[in-house]
Amino acid sequence: MLPIGSIFPFADIKGDVFYKVMTDEGFIDADGSSLSKETYPRLYDVLGTFYGGTTTSFKIPDFRGKTLRGITTI
């Protein structure tokens, strides 16, 4: 099982890359959407209101048009 809140890149047939966030139900687009805390409680536990939110909702990251880069330490 993949960790809730993990972010994964996907490529379409044209080679465009887009990102998705792992939830209990599967992947959702990392497009800055506002989600219900009641509907996605485990994802809220991971993200909180780091990307914004209200008393009843939270936002997922918006990676549209972005390139993610990882850093490895040895």
Protein backbone atom coordinates (compact mmCIF):
# COMPACT_ATOMS: atom_id res chain seq x y z
CA MET A 1 0.00 0.00 0.00
CA LEU A 2 1.22 3.47 -0.87
CA PRO A 3 1.36 6.17 1.83
CA ILE A 4 -1.61 8.57 1.94
CA GLY A 5 -0.50 12.00 0.69
CA SER A 6 2.22 10.65 -1.62
CA ILE A 7 2.63 12.63 -4.83
CA PHE A 8 3.28 10.83 -8.10
CA PRO A 9 4.03 12.09 -11.62
CA PHE A 10 2.13 10.62 -14.57
CA ALA A 11 2.66 11.19 -18.28
CA ASP A 12 0.01 11.13 -20.97
CA ILE A 13 0.48 9.90 -24.55
CA LYS A 14 1.74 13.34 -25.64
CA GLY A 15 4.43 13.28 -22.97
CA ASP A 16 2.79 15.92 -20.78
CA VAL A 17 3.44 15.31 -17.10
CA PHE A 18 0.81 15.80 -14.41
CA TYR A 19 0.80 15.02 -10.72
CA LYS A 20 -1.61 13.12 -8.51
CA VAL A 21 -2.01 12.76 -4.75
CA MET A 22 -2.69 9.38 -3.11
CA THR A 23 -5.89 9.09 -1.03
CA ASP A 24 -7.69 6.14 0.58
CA GLU A 25 -9.73 5.70 -2.61
CA GLY A 26 -6.86 6.09 -5.10
CA PHE A 27 -5.32 9.06 -6.87
CA ILE A 28 -6.72 12.57 -7.32
CA ASP A 29 -5.26 15.42 -9.38
CA ALA A 30 -2.86 17.74 -7.56
CA ASP A 31 -4.71 20.81 -8.85
CA GLY A 32 -5.28 22.87 -5.70
CA SER A 33 -8.79 21.54 -5.15
CA SER A 34 -10.58 22.10 -1.87
CA LEU A 35 -11.64 18.83 -0.22
CA SER A 36 -13.89 18.01 2.71
CA LYS A 37 -12.18 17.04 5.96
CA GLU A 38 -14.98 14.52 6.56
CA THR A 39 -14.61 12.87 3.14
CA TYR A 40 -10.80 12.61 3.26
CA PRO A 41 -9.88 12.46 6.97
CA ARG A 42 -6.63 10.51 6.52
CA LEU A 43 -5.40 12.84 3.78
CA TYR A 44 -6.29 15.80 6.00
CA ASP A 45 -4.25 14.20 8.81
CA VAL A 46 -1.22 14.28 6.49
CA LEU A 47 -1.69 17.66 4.76
CA GLY A 48 -3.64 19.66 7.33
CA THR A 49 -4.16 23.21 6.12
CA PHE A 50 -0.58 23.61 4.86
CA TYR A 51 -1.90 24.47 1.36
CA GLY A 52 -4.92 26.41 2.69
CA GLY A 53 -8.35 25.56 3.98
CA THR A 54 -11.24 26.47 6.24
CA THR A 55 -12.86 24.94 9.30
CA THR A 56 -14.54 22.24 7.17
CA SER A 57 -12.18 21.83 4.21
CA PHE A 58 -8.53 21.75 3.20
CA LYS A 59 -6.64 22.21 -0.06
CA ILE A 60 -4.35 19.83 -1.84
CA PRO A 61 -1.21 21.15 -3.56
CA ASP A 62 -1.44 22.70 -7.02
CA PHE A 63 1.35 21.35 -9.18
CA ARG A 64 -0.13 22.26 -12.56
CA GLY A 65 2.64 23.65 -14.75
CA LYS A 66 5.31 22.81 -12.16
CA THR A 67 8.27 20.46 -12.22
CA LEU A 68 9.01 18.62 -8.99
CA ARG A 69 12.58 17.87 -8.05
CA GLY A 70 13.87 15.55 -5.40
CA ILE A 71 17.12 15.87 -3.50
CA THR A 72 19.09 12.85 -2.39
CA THR A 73 21.50 12.93 0.52
CA ILE A 74 24.23 10.39 1.05
